[in-house]
Protein backbone atom coordinates (compact mmCIF):
# COMPACT_ATOMS: atom_id res chain seq x y z
CA UNK A 1 -197.73 35.19 99.27
CA UNK A 2 -200.54 37.87 100.44
CA UNK A 3 -200.69 37.17 103.49
CA UNK A 4 -204.61 36.57 104.93
CA UNK A 5 -204.79 37.37 108.49
CA UNK A 6 -207.64 35.41 110.91
CA UNK A 7 -210.71 37.86 111.94
CA UNK A 8 -210.80 38.05 115.65
CA UNK A 9 -214.23 36.06 115.58
CA UNK A 10 -212.21 33.19 114.00
CA UNK A 11 -209.49 33.22 116.27
CA UNK A 12 -212.29 32.99 119.54
CA UNK A 13 -214.35 30.33 118.20
CA UNK A 14 -211.20 28.10 117.46
CA UNK A 15 -210.17 28.93 121.57
CA UNK A 16 -213.98 27.94 122.16
CA UNK A 17 -213.74 24.62 120.96
CA UNK A 18 -210.40 23.91 122.24
CA UNK A 19 -212.36 24.24 125.67
CA UNK A 20 -215.47 22.73 124.94
CA UNK A 21 -214.65 19.65 123.16
CA UNK A 22 -214.37 16.92 125.50
CA UNK A 23 -211.15 15.65 126.64
CA UNK A 24 -211.06 12.37 125.09
CA UNK A 25 -211.90 13.98 121.32
CA UNK A 26 -209.28 16.80 121.86
CA UNK A 27 -206.63 14.92 119.44
CA UNK A 28 -204.31 17.30 117.46
CA UNK A 29 -206.41 16.41 114.44
CA UNK A 30 -209.60 16.58 115.71
CA UNK A 31 -209.08 20.00 116.79
CA UNK A 32 -206.85 21.20 113.47
CA UNK A 33 -209.81 19.66 111.59
CA UNK A 34 -212.71 21.65 113.72
CA UNK A 35 -210.34 24.79 113.46
CA UNK A 36 -209.95 24.75 109.60
CA UNK A 37 -213.65 24.21 109.51
CA UNK A 38 -214.24 27.43 111.22
CA UNK A 39 -211.74 29.06 109.23
CA UNK A 40 -213.32 28.05 105.80
CA UNK A 41 -216.41 29.44 106.91
CA UNK A 42 -215.29 32.90 107.55
CA UNK A 43 -212.66 33.09 105.01
CA UNK A 44 -215.02 31.80 102.00
CA UNK A 45 -212.08 29.36 101.40
CA UNK A 46 -214.03 26.09 101.86
CA UNK A 47 -215.69 26.58 98.11
CA UNK A 48 -214.78 28.80 95.21
CA UNK A 49 -217.56 31.13 93.20
CA UNK A 50 -215.64 32.23 90.53
CA UNK A 51 -218.40 34.02 88.46
CA UNK A 52 -217.63 37.67 88.01
CA UNK A 53 -214.64 39.89 86.97
CA UNK A 54 -211.75 39.90 88.68
CA UNK A 55 -208.63 42.94 88.39
CA UNK A 56 -205.54 42.08 88.38
CA UNK A 57 -204.15 43.80 91.64
CA UNK A 58 -200.44 42.33 92.42
CA UNK A 59 -198.04 39.19 92.22
CA UNK A 60 -199.02 35.99 94.85
CA UNK A 61 -196.83 33.66 95.85
CA UNK A 62 -197.25 30.29 97.80
CA UNK A 63 -194.82 27.43 98.78
CA UNK A 64 -196.58 24.02 98.52
CA UNK A 65 -194.50 23.06 101.53
CA UNK A 66 -193.90 25.20 104.46
CA UNK A 67 -190.45 24.21 104.80
CA UNK A 68 -189.09 27.49 103.12
CA UNK A 69 -191.26 29.33 105.52
CA UNK A 70 -190.58 28.01 108.63
CA UNK A 71 -186.76 28.25 108.18
CA UNK A 72 -184.40 31.46 109.83
CA UNK A 73 -184.91 34.15 107.20
CA UNK A 74 -187.96 32.37 105.27
CA UNK A 75 -190.99 34.96 105.23
CA UNK A 76 -188.41 37.83 104.39
CA UNK A 77 -187.34 35.93 101.45
CA UNK A 78 -190.70 35.04 100.31
CA UNK A 79 -191.75 38.89 100.31
CA UNK A 80 -188.54 39.94 98.50
CA UNK A 81 -189.42 37.32 96.38
CA UNK A 82 -192.95 38.34 95.66
CA UNK A 83 -191.70 41.81 95.05
CA UNK A 84 -189.35 40.80 92.61
CA UNK A 85 -192.28 39.34 90.92
CA UNK A 86 -194.66 42.36 90.77
CA UNK A 87 -191.35 44.07 89.13
CA UNK A 88 -191.05 41.28 86.92
CA UNK A 89 -194.84 41.31 86.01
CA UNK A 90 -194.85 44.97 85.19
CA UNK A 91 -192.13 45.03 82.94
CA UNK A 92 -194.10 42.39 80.53
CA UNK A 93 -196.74 45.25 80.82
CA UNK A 94 -198.92 43.16 83.73
CA UNK A 95 -199.75 46.01 85.75
CA UNK A 96 -202.80 46.34 88.52
CA UNK A 97 -206.18 47.82 86.57
CA UNK A 98 -204.87 46.63 83.38
CA UNK A 99 -205.54 43.00 83.37
CA UNK A 100 -208.95 41.72 83.84
CA UNK A 101 -210.58 38.13 84.21
CA UNK A 102 -213.75 37.21 83.66
CA UNK A 103 -215.54 34.24 84.29
CA UNK A 104 -218.93 33.61 83.37
CA UNK A 105 -221.95 31.69 84.31
CA UNK A 106 -221.79 29.71 81.23
CA UNK A 107 -218.15 28.33 81.53
CA UNK A 108 -216.50 30.95 78.99
CA UNK A 109 -213.42 33.11 80.08
CA UNK A 110 -212.32 36.28 78.62
CA UNK A 111 -209.19 37.45 79.93
CA UNK A 112 -208.85 41.64 79.36
CA UNK A 113 -205.14 43.06 78.71
CA UNK A 114 -204.38 46.76 77.61
CA UNK A 115 -208.03 46.64 75.46
CA UNK A 116 -207.07 43.13 74.24
CA UNK A 117 -209.26 40.18 74.57
CA UNK A 118 -208.54 36.33 74.54
CA UNK A 119 -211.59 33.84 74.69
CA UNK A 120 -211.49 30.68 76.30
CA UNK A 121 -213.16 28.10 78.64
CA UNK A 122 -212.86 27.37 82.56
CA UNK A 123 -213.45 24.19 84.45
CA UNK A 124 -212.66 24.26 88.46
CA UNK A 125 -212.28 21.15 90.23
CA UNK A 126 -212.81 21.41 93.67
CA UNK A 127 -211.14 17.99 94.70
CA UNK A 128 -207.67 19.57 93.32
CA UNK A 129 -208.69 22.98 94.12
CA UNK A 130 -207.42 23.83 90.32
CA UNK A 131 -209.42 25.88 87.57
CA UNK A 132 -208.54 24.33 84.00
CA UNK A 133 -208.34 27.61 81.80
CA UNK A 134 -208.47 26.38 77.81
CA UNK A 135 -207.76 29.00 75.00
CA UNK A 136 -209.02 26.80 71.93
CA UNK A 137 -206.19 24.33 71.01
CA UNK A 138 -203.63 26.73 71.50
CA UNK A 139 -203.08 26.72 75.51
CA UNK A 140 -204.45 24.98 78.31
CA UNK A 141 -203.03 25.58 81.89
CA UNK A 142 -204.34 24.28 85.32
CA UNK A 143 -203.29 26.99 88.53
CA UNK A 144 -204.20 26.27 92.02
CA UNK A 145 -206.74 28.51 93.13
CA UNK A 146 -207.25 30.46 96.10
CA UNK A 147 -210.45 32.17 97.04
CA UNK A 148 -212.55 34.56 99.26
CA UNK A 149 -215.43 36.73 98.37
CA UNK A 150 -213.81 39.40 97.32
CA UNK A 151 -210.02 37.99 96.22
CA UNK A 152 -208.84 35.22 93.97
CA UNK A 153 -205.16 34.14 93.58
CA UNK A 154 -204.32 32.00 90.18
CA UNK A 155 -200.98 30.45 91.58
CA UNK A 156 -199.13 28.41 88.48
CA UNK A 157 -195.70 26.92 88.39
CA UNK A 158 -192.98 29.08 87.00
CA UNK A 159 -193.21 27.42 83.32
CA UNK A 160 -197.04 27.43 83.12
CA UNK A 161 -197.08 30.88 83.90
CA UNK A 162 -194.69 31.98 81.52
CA UNK A 163 -197.00 30.55 79.14
CA UNK A 164 -200.12 32.33 79.75
CA UNK A 165 -198.15 35.98 80.03
CA UNK A 166 -196.73 35.03 76.52
CA UNK A 167 -200.06 34.14 75.35
CA UNK A 168 -202.05 37.49 77.31
CA UNK A 169 -198.95 39.66 76.01
CA UNK A 170 -197.71 38.45 72.94
CA UNK A 171 -194.10 38.40 74.21
CA UNK A 172 -192.28 35.78 73.83
CA UNK A 173 -188.28 36.48 73.71
CA UNK A 174 -188.05 38.77 76.82
CA UNK A 175 -185.37 38.70 79.31
CA UNK A 176 -187.92 39.65 82.15
CA UNK A 177 -189.44 36.18 81.49
CA UNK A 178 -186.48 34.16 81.83
CA UNK A 179 -185.54 36.25 84.89
CA UNK A 180 -189.11 34.82 86.30
CA UNK A 181 -188.36 31.53 85.38
CA UNK A 182 -185.21 32.37 87.38
CA UNK A 183 -186.67 33.58 90.37
CA UNK A 184 -188.84 29.80 90.50
CA UNK A 185 -185.89 28.34 90.41
CA UNK A 186 -184.00 29.73 93.46
CA UNK A 187 -187.10 28.23 95.99
CA UNK A 188 -188.06 24.76 96.02
CA UNK A 189 -192.08 24.28 95.31
CA UNK A 190 -192.75 27.75 94.84
CA UNK A 191 -196.10 28.77 92.94
CA UNK A 192 -195.93 32.29 91.17
CA UNK A 193 -199.26 33.67 90.22
CA UNK A 194 -201.63 36.44 89.73
CA UNK A 195 -203.68 38.51 93.12
CA UNK A 196 -207.24 39.60 91.48
CA UNK A 197 -209.87 41.44 93.23
CA UNK A 198 -213.41 40.92 92.38
CA UNK A 199 -215.17 43.94 90.88
């Protein structure tokens, strides 16, 4: 769960809209809808441009529901979970800088890890905000994608992330992999993932 802060410009625009919109149109739905449009235009999250090379920079965690974060100590617990995931990924050999995803314009995908490459294809679905990664007939997974022009997160259900890690690193019977699965079981609706930075 990388915390991406909104720019001051976006905050100013949202405040301006809240005062400029006629009173009869100022329903919560109207305001939130317009605010979302501004935020997406600033952060680039309205659309995803995946073509290019993206290098792993750390773990990423997202909750499908805000319930966990809204509870007392929720943000602290989430931060702790992210640090643990970072630690576990490092133990299985996925470290900042040594894992790269290259998405080509022709929908082919190359995942590089410690000098080894895995080839596949990808297809992004804007309606679900998920990308389907297919590696021959061996593995097909569809993580959720959040992205800006310079950062991209691939967010998985725990079992799907484990399958990707196992495929990339060829490690299948590792106690650390079990720890990653246990981590997800501690929180309801938690997605685990990889934070990537564009080269």
